[in-house]
Amino acid sequence: MEKKTPLYQTHVDLGGKIVEFGGYLMPVQYPAGVIAEHMAVRQKSGLFDVSHMAELVVEGPDAVANIQALVTTDISKMIDGQVKYAMLCNDKGGIVDDLVIYRLHADKYMLVVNAGNHEKDAKWVEGHLFGDLKYEDISDTIGQLALQGPTADRILHKICEDQYIPKKYYTFIENGTLDLGSRKITAIISQTGYTGEHGYEIYCKAEDAADLWNALLRCGAEDGLIPCGLGARDTLRLEASMPLYGHEMNDEISPKEAGLPCKLDGKDFIGRDAIAARGEPKIKRAGFKVTGRGIVREHCDIYDKSGAKVGVVSSGTHCPYLGQCYGMCYLPPESIEMGQKFDVDVRGRLVEVELTPLPFYKAEK
């Protein structure tokens, strides 16, 4: 049975087109459409419901040792209010999931994982814990909103004092106060996002999510803020060349192959030895733009100009802001040369693509 986020009825009332995603009923788009939502985030701002994401809290004297053993990233030097991106790996060196780690205190951390992997990740983490520790899955108590775009800062300042707004990317304020007009609430305010644009992610109590959503839309209207769904979230992340689990990552692909954070010469973690044993990656993630006619999608085979199959597309779509079709793929390292052209089999028709550097889009500071 599909779950509903605290904002489900709000999406329905706004005319959101509801689909199942990661076990949740979520809006894929609103009446304005995916392209309008995408462009709003690039030029003004968009508001996303990301309450389907899962939050796992690890707390206690052995919290750091546990997380160090679980993830690819070294968290030993994190400070309160800092966020880090990392991967959970399996014993074969494949990626269980990617996640972000919030250091709340020296012995308390929040791990934010993907909705579609919620149960898998929760079991994986719990099954590898040891020592003096408290572990809690708080996902059902949390509402998470993402305010993304060039005007996000101005919008947030209308309901939040400057002292509660984080100033650096991948930092957060744990107990930020937000004035919704009728009342004030406390939330984690984080300068993070999954759009390639400046913005914030706000973690509040589930029961506060709808009021916060409405307050942001109300005060952000003059700055062009509109509600956005899963469709725009996907086109935005691909335009910014951000990987997505189940596409650029899975239980077989290693962080080294995906080009994601993974140091093998530092601390130990589950899967490190297996990744090292694989040696130099036989495939690597690369980006391309479509120079032929058509949109290239995931799972399409890639052929070199001699007709030999050399790789596969992991993600692909039309990127509205760039006005062209782009995609990510996996190819042998020796085939990855910028400007190199390949043919992609799109339902029996060959479409030409050209390798291009990642990311495709990068926001101006």
Protein backbone atom coordinates (compact mmCIF):
# COMPACT_ATOMS: atom_id res chain seq x y z
CA MET A 1 0.00 0.00 0.00
CA GLU A 2 1.42 3.38 -1.02
CA LYS A 3 2.27 5.88 1.68
CA LYS A 4 1.35 9.55 1.69
CA THR A 5 3.56 12.42 2.78
CA PRO A 6 2.16 15.05 5.18
CA LEU A 7 1.58 17.22 2.09
CA TYR A 8 -0.44 14.73 0.03
CA GLN A 9 -3.77 16.59 0.29
CA THR A 10 -2.00 19.90 -0.37
CA HIS A 11 -0.68 18.51 -3.67
CA VAL A 12 -4.14 17.26 -4.64
CA ASP A 13 -5.68 20.65 -3.83
CA LEU A 14 -3.06 22.37 -6.02
CA GLY A 15 -3.90 20.13 -8.97
CA GLY A 16 -0.78 17.99 -8.73
CA LYS A 17 -0.69 14.89 -10.94
CA ILE A 18 -0.13 12.09 -8.44
CA VAL A 19 2.02 9.03 -9.18
CA GLU A 20 3.65 6.29 -7.10
CA PHE A 21 7.33 6.90 -6.38
CA GLY A 22 9.52 5.14 -3.84
CA GLY A 23 6.44 3.70 -2.18
CA TYR A 24 4.80 7.14 -1.84
CA LEU A 25 2.04 8.94 -3.70
CA MET A 26 3.80 12.06 -4.98
CA PRO A 27 3.14 14.87 -7.48
CA VAL A 28 5.03 14.33 -10.73
CA GLN A 29 3.96 17.80 -11.92
CA TYR A 30 1.47 20.62 -11.36
CA PRO A 31 -0.74 22.34 -13.97
CA ALA A 32 2.09 24.68 -15.03
CA GLY A 33 3.98 21.63 -16.35
CA VAL A 34 7.49 20.21 -15.98
CA ILE A 35 9.21 22.73 -18.26
CA ALA A 36 7.71 25.73 -16.45
CA GLU A 37 8.68 24.22 -13.10
CA HIS A 38 12.22 23.50 -14.30
CA MET A 39 12.68 27.05 -15.63
CA ALA A 40 11.27 28.54 -12.41
CA VAL A 41 14.04 26.83 -10.41
CA ARG A 42 16.74 28.01 -12.82
CA GLN A 43 15.47 31.60 -13.07
CA LYS A 44 13.44 32.24 -9.90
CA SER A 45 12.54 29.48 -7.40
CA GLY A 46 10.65 26.24 -6.94
CA LEU A 47 9.29 24.41 -3.90
CA PHE A 48 9.49 20.61 -3.64
CA ASP A 49 8.01 18.11 -1.21
CA VAL A 50 10.82 15.70 -0.36
CA SER A 51 9.19 14.25 2.75
CA HIS A 52 9.46 10.79 1.18
CA MET A 53 13.20 10.80 1.95
CA ALA A 54 14.17 8.75 5.01
CA GLU A 55 15.97 9.97 8.13
CA LEU A 56 17.95 7.60 10.35
CA VAL A 57 19.51 8.84 13.61
CA VAL A 58 22.63 7.24 15.08
CA GLU A 59 23.54 8.46 18.56
CA GLY A 60 25.93 7.46 21.31
CA PRO A 61 29.62 7.12 22.26
CA ASP A 62 30.23 4.73 19.34
CA ALA A 63 28.31 6.74 16.73
CA VAL A 64 31.39 7.94 14.85
CA ALA A 65 33.01 4.49 14.78
CA ASN A 66 29.82 2.97 13.40
CA ILE A 67 29.33 5.54 10.65
CA GLN A 68 33.02 5.38 9.72
CA ALA A 69 32.61 1.63 9.17
CA LEU A 70 29.46 2.11 7.11
CA VAL A 71 30.27 4.93 4.68
CA THR A 72 32.92 5.81 2.11
CA THR A 73 33.48 9.33 3.46
CA ASP A 74 35.66 10.17 6.47
CA ILE A 75 33.46 11.91 9.06
CA SER A 76 36.06 12.07 11.85
CA LYS A 77 36.71 15.78 11.35
CA MET A 78 33.12 16.90 10.85
CA ILE A 79 31.90 19.71 13.08
CA ASP A 80 28.41 20.49 14.40
CA GLY A 81 26.28 21.95 11.62
CA GLN A 82 28.22 20.29 8.80
CA VAL A 83 26.80 18.03 6.06
CA LYS A 84 28.72 15.42 4.05
CA TYR A 85 27.83 13.33 1.01
CA ALA A 86 28.71 9.64 1.13
CA MET A 87 27.88 6.14 -0.03
CA LEU A 88 26.96 2.91 1.72
CA CYS A 89 28.71 0.00 0.02
CA ASN A 90 28.12 -3.75 0.14
CA ASP A 91 30.74 -6.45 0.66
CA LYS A 92 31.36 -6.64 -3.12
CA GLY A 93 32.06 -2.90 -3.38
CA GLY A 94 28.74 -2.05 -5.03
CA ILE A 95 26.66 0.91 -3.86
CA VAL A 96 23.82 0.14 -1.44
CA ASP A 97 22.76 3.80 -1.59
CA ASP A 98 24.07 7.34 -1.54
CA LEU A 99 23.19 9.55 1.42
CA VAL A 100 23.90 12.81 3.21
CA ILE A 101 25.20 12.86 6.78
CA TYR A 102 24.28 15.62 9.24
CA ARG A 103 26.42 16.08 12.35
CA LEU A 104 23.99 17.26 15.01
CA HIS A 105 26.47 16.81 17.87
CA ALA A 106 29.76 15.00 18.46
CA ASP A 107 27.92 11.75 19.16
CA LYS A 108 24.69 12.31 17.20
CA TYR A 109 24.23 12.09 13.42
CA MET A 110 21.29 12.05 11.02
CA LEU A 111 21.61 9.95 7.86
CA VAL A 112 19.27 10.96 5.03
CA VAL A 113 18.72 8.18 2.48
CA ASN A 114 16.60 7.68 -0.64
CA ALA A 115 12.90 6.88 -0.32
CA GLY A 116 13.06 3.92 -2.68
CA ASN A 117 15.82 2.36 -0.55
CA HIS A 118 14.33 3.26 2.83
CA GLU A 119 13.65 -0.24 4.13
CA LYS A 120 16.78 -1.72 2.55
CA ASP A 121 19.02 1.00 3.97
CA ALA A 122 17.44 0.92 7.42
CA LYS A 123 18.00 -2.85 7.66
CA TRP A 124 21.52 -2.55 6.28
CA VAL A 125 22.50 0.11 8.82
CA GLU A 126 20.81 -1.62 11.76
CA GLY A 127 22.37 -4.96 10.80
CA HIS A 128 25.90 -3.55 11.01
CA LEU A 129 25.70 -1.53 14.22
CA PHE A 130 27.86 -2.31 17.23
CA GLY A 131 28.82 -0.99 20.66
CA ASP A 132 27.23 1.71 22.80
CA LEU A 133 24.65 3.18 20.49
CA LYS A 134 21.05 4.26 20.01
CA TYR A 135 19.53 3.90 16.55
CA GLU A 136 16.18 5.33 15.46
CA ASP A 137 14.29 5.64 12.18
CA ILE A 138 12.48 8.99 12.53
CA SER A 139 11.26 9.24 8.92
CA ASP A 140 7.53 9.18 9.72
CA THR A 141 7.89 12.13 12.10
CA ILE A 142 9.65 14.41 9.60
CA GLY A 143 8.41 16.63 6.78
CA GLN A 144 11.09 17.83 4.36
CA LEU A 145 10.72 20.74 1.92
CA ALA A 146 13.27 21.88 -0.67
CA LEU A 147 13.30 25.58 -1.59
CA GLN A 148 15.55 25.90 -4.66
CA GLY A 149 16.49 28.70 -7.00
CA PRO A 150 18.16 32.12 -7.31
CA THR A 151 15.45 33.87 -5.25
CA ALA A 152 15.38 31.20 -2.51
CA ASP A 153 17.50 33.29 -0.16
CA ARG A 154 15.23 36.31 -0.45
CA ILE A 155 12.13 34.18 0.09
CA LEU A 156 13.48 32.37 3.13
CA HIS A 157 14.50 35.66 4.76
CA LYS A 158 10.83 36.71 4.77
CA ILE A 159 9.96 34.05 7.34
CA CYS A 160 13.34 33.41 8.94
CA GLU A 161 15.84 35.68 10.69
CA ASP A 162 19.32 35.79 9.19
CA GLN A 163 20.90 34.07 12.21
CA TYR A 164 18.99 30.87 11.39
CA ILE A 165 19.97 30.73 7.72
CA PRO A 166 23.17 28.77 6.97
CA LYS A 167 25.73 30.79 5.01
CA LYS A 168 27.76 28.01 3.39
CA TYR A 169 26.88 25.13 1.10
CA TYR A 170 26.55 21.81 2.96
CA THR A 171 26.03 23.44 6.36
CA PHE A 172 22.87 23.67 8.49
CA ILE A 173 21.27 25.30 11.51
CA GLU A 174 19.75 22.67 13.79
CA ASN A 175 17.16 24.75 15.63
CA GLY A 176 16.11 27.42 13.18
CA THR A 177 12.96 29.43 13.87
CA LEU A 178 10.48 30.00 11.04
CA ASP A 179 7.66 32.53 11.38
CA LEU A 180 4.60 31.20 9.52
CA GLY A 181 2.45 34.21 10.39
CA SER A 182 -0.05 32.50 12.66
CA ARG A 183 2.69 30.73 14.64
CA LYS A 184 6.40 29.95 14.77
CA ILE A 185 8.00 26.55 14.28
CA THR A 186 11.47 25.09 14.80
CA ALA A 187 13.25 23.18 12.02
CA ILE A 188 16.61 22.10 10.65
CA ILE A 189 17.52 24.55 7.88
CA SER A 190 20.15 23.18 5.51
CA GLN A 191 21.90 24.80 2.55
CA THR A 192 21.71 21.71 0.35
CA GLY A 193 19.70 20.50 -2.63
CA TYR A 194 19.39 18.22 -5.64
CA THR A 195 18.83 20.71 -8.45
CA GLY A 196 22.25 22.22 -9.11
CA GLU A 197 20.86 25.56 -7.92
CA HIS A 198 21.33 27.58 -4.74
CA GLY A 199 18.73 26.66 -2.16
CA TYR A 200 17.69 25.11 1.11
CA GLU A 201 16.21 21.91 2.48
CA ILE A 202 14.07 22.30 5.59
CA TYR A 203 13.35 19.42 8.01
CA CYS A 204 10.34 20.12 10.21
CA LYS A 205 7.85 18.11 12.24
CA ALA A 206 5.45 16.25 9.95
CA GLU A 207 2.50 18.14 11.42
CA ASP A 208 4.15 21.49 10.52
CA ALA A 209 4.88 20.66 6.88
CA ALA A 210 1.63 21.86 5.30
CA ASP A 211 1.67 25.21 7.13
CA LEU A 212 5.33 25.75 6.19
CA TRP A 213 4.60 24.86 2.54
CA ASN A 214 1.70 27.32 2.38
CA ALA A 215 3.67 30.08 4.11
CA LEU A 216 6.57 29.74 1.67
CA LEU A 217 4.31 29.75 -1.39
CA ARG A 218 2.44 32.76 -0.05
CA CYS A 219 5.48 34.91 0.71
CA GLY A 220 7.43 33.67 -2.31
CA ALA A 221 4.76 34.39 -4.91
CA GLU A 222 6.14 37.84 -5.76
CA ASP A 223 9.57 36.27 -6.27
CA GLY A 224 8.23 33.73 -8.75
CA LEU A 225 8.05 30.72 -6.41
CA ILE A 226 5.89 27.86 -7.69
CA PRO A 227 5.32 24.27 -6.53
CA CYS A 228 7.37 21.66 -8.39
CA GLY A 229 7.05 17.90 -8.78
CA LEU A 230 9.18 14.84 -9.40
CA GLY A 231 9.41 15.49 -13.15
CA ALA A 232 11.26 18.78 -12.75
CA ARG A 233 13.34 17.34 -9.91
CA ASP A 234 14.64 14.71 -12.33
CA THR A 235 15.32 17.04 -15.27
CA LEU A 236 17.05 19.51 -12.95
CA ARG A 237 19.31 16.90 -11.35
CA LEU A 238 20.25 15.47 -14.74
CA GLU A 239 20.95 18.91 -16.20
CA ALA A 240 23.28 19.43 -13.22
CA SER A 241 24.75 15.92 -13.81
CA MET A 242 23.78 14.65 -10.36
CA PRO A 243 23.62 10.84 -10.08
CA LEU A 244 20.42 9.00 -9.18
CA TYR A 245 20.25 5.63 -7.47
CA GLY A 246 18.94 2.95 -9.80
CA HIS A 247 20.45 4.83 -12.75
CA GLU A 248 24.05 5.95 -12.14
CA MET A 249 24.33 3.79 -9.00
CA ASN A 250 23.30 0.27 -8.02
CA ASP A 251 24.46 -2.75 -6.02
CA GLU A 252 26.99 -3.68 -8.73
CA ILE A 253 28.53 -0.31 -9.66
CA SER A 254 31.33 0.88 -7.37
CA PRO A 255 31.86 4.50 -6.27
CA LYS A 256 35.10 4.55 -8.27
CA GLU A 257 33.24 3.60 -11.45
CA ALA A 258 30.56 6.22 -10.73
CA GLY A 259 33.19 8.89 -10.02
CA LEU A 260 31.82 9.49 -6.51
CA PRO A 261 33.64 10.18 -3.18
CA CYS A 262 35.62 7.11 -2.13
CA LYS A 263 39.16 7.24 -0.69
CA LEU A 264 40.78 3.83 -0.31
CA ASP A 265 43.95 4.99 1.48
CA GLY A 266 42.23 6.31 4.60
CA LYS A 267 39.91 4.65 7.10
CA ASP A 268 38.34 1.25 6.57
CA PHE A 269 34.69 0.77 5.56
CA ILE A 270 32.46 -2.04 4.32
CA GLY A 271 33.38 -2.77 0.72
CA ARG A 272 36.74 -0.95 0.70
CA ASP A 273 38.84 -4.08 0.17
CA ALA A 274 36.49 -5.29 -2.56
CA ILE A 275 36.73 -1.95 -4.39
CA ALA A 276 40.52 -2.05 -4.12
CA ALA A 277 40.57 -5.64 -5.39
CA ARG A 278 38.69 -4.60 -8.54
CA GLY A 279 41.70 -2.55 -9.56
CA GLU A 280 41.36 0.30 -12.03
CA PRO A 281 37.72 0.75 -13.12
CA LYS A 282 36.76 -1.08 -16.31
CA ILE A 283 33.88 1.35 -16.84
CA LYS A 284 33.39 4.98 -15.87
CA ARG A 285 30.51 7.44 -15.79
CA ALA A 286 30.56 10.00 -18.60
CA GLY A 287 28.28 12.66 -20.04
CA PHE A 288 27.03 13.30 -23.55
CA LYS A 289 24.86 15.68 -25.54
CA VAL A 290 22.61 14.44 -28.30
CA THR A 291 23.72 15.71 -31.70
CA GLY A 292 21.26 13.57 -33.65
CA ARG A 293 17.47 13.69 -33.57
CA GLY A 294 15.64 12.24 -30.59
CA ILE A 295 15.74 11.85 -26.82
CA VAL A 296 18.03 9.17 -25.44
CA ARG A 297 16.80 7.33 -22.33
CA GLU A 298 18.25 4.96 -19.72
CA HIS A 299 19.16 1.38 -20.71
CA CYS A 300 19.84 2.28 -24.36
CA ASP A 301 22.96 0.59 -25.76
CA ILE A 302 25.88 2.69 -27.03
CA TYR A 303 27.94 1.76 -30.11
CA ASP A 304 31.19 3.14 -31.46
CA LYS A 305 31.47 4.14 -35.10
CA SER A 306 32.68 0.66 -36.05
CA GLY A 307 29.38 -0.76 -34.80
CA ALA A 308 30.76 -2.39 -31.64
CA LYS A 309 28.73 -2.09 -28.45
CA VAL A 310 30.80 -0.17 -25.93
CA GLY A 311 28.44 1.04 -23.19
CA VAL A 312 24.98 1.81 -21.91
CA VAL A 313 23.00 4.96 -21.07
CA SER A 314 22.17 5.41 -17.37
CA SER A 315 20.01 8.57 -17.66
CA GLY A 316 18.88 10.82 -20.47
CA THR A 317 16.30 13.51 -21.16
CA HIS A 318 15.67 16.92 -22.72
CA CYS A 319 17.16 19.64 -20.48
CA PRO A 320 14.85 22.68 -20.71
CA TYR A 321 17.27 25.38 -19.56
CA LEU A 322 20.08 24.22 -21.87
CA GLY A 323 17.60 23.62 -24.67
CA GLN A 324 19.16 20.33 -25.72
CA CYS A 325 19.05 16.61 -24.90
CA TYR A 326 21.75 15.30 -22.59
CA GLY A 327 22.51 12.08 -20.78
CA MET A 328 24.94 10.12 -18.62
CA CYS A 329 26.36 6.74 -19.46
CA TYR A 330 28.97 4.12 -18.64
CA LEU A 331 31.85 3.53 -21.04
CA PRO A 332 35.33 1.96 -20.91
CA PRO A 333 37.81 4.62 -19.70
CA GLU A 334 39.80 4.37 -22.95
CA SER A 335 36.68 5.40 -24.89
CA ILE A 336 36.10 8.57 -22.88
CA GLU A 337 37.46 11.48 -24.88
CA MET A 338 35.62 14.77 -25.02
CA GLY A 339 34.12 15.35 -28.45
CA GLN A 340 34.14 11.64 -29.29
CA LYS A 341 30.96 10.60 -31.10
CA PHE A 342 28.91 7.44 -30.62
CA ASP A 343 25.57 6.05 -31.75
CA VAL A 344 22.83 5.13 -29.30
CA ASP A 345 20.19 2.54 -30.14
CA VAL A 346 16.83 4.17 -29.40
CA ARG A 347 14.17 1.54 -30.13
CA GLY A 348 16.02 0.27 -33.20
CA ARG A 349 17.04 3.71 -34.51
CA LEU A 350 20.62 5.00 -34.12
CA VAL A 351 20.91 8.49 -32.61
CA GLU A 352 24.30 10.22 -32.58
CA VAL A 353 25.72 11.63 -29.33
CA GLU A 354 28.91 13.47 -28.46
CA LEU A 355 30.82 13.20 -25.18
CA THR A 356 30.83 16.41 -23.20
CA PRO A 357 32.24 17.38 -19.77
CA LEU A 358 30.26 17.00 -16.53
CA PRO A 359 28.39 18.87 -15.19
CA PHE A 360 26.27 20.03 -18.11
CA TYR A 361 24.99 22.99 -16.08
CA LYS A 362 26.57 24.84 -13.18
CA ALA A 363 24.85 27.74 -11.41
CA GLU A 364 26.59 31.09 -11.26
CA LYS A 365 27.70 32.05 -7.75
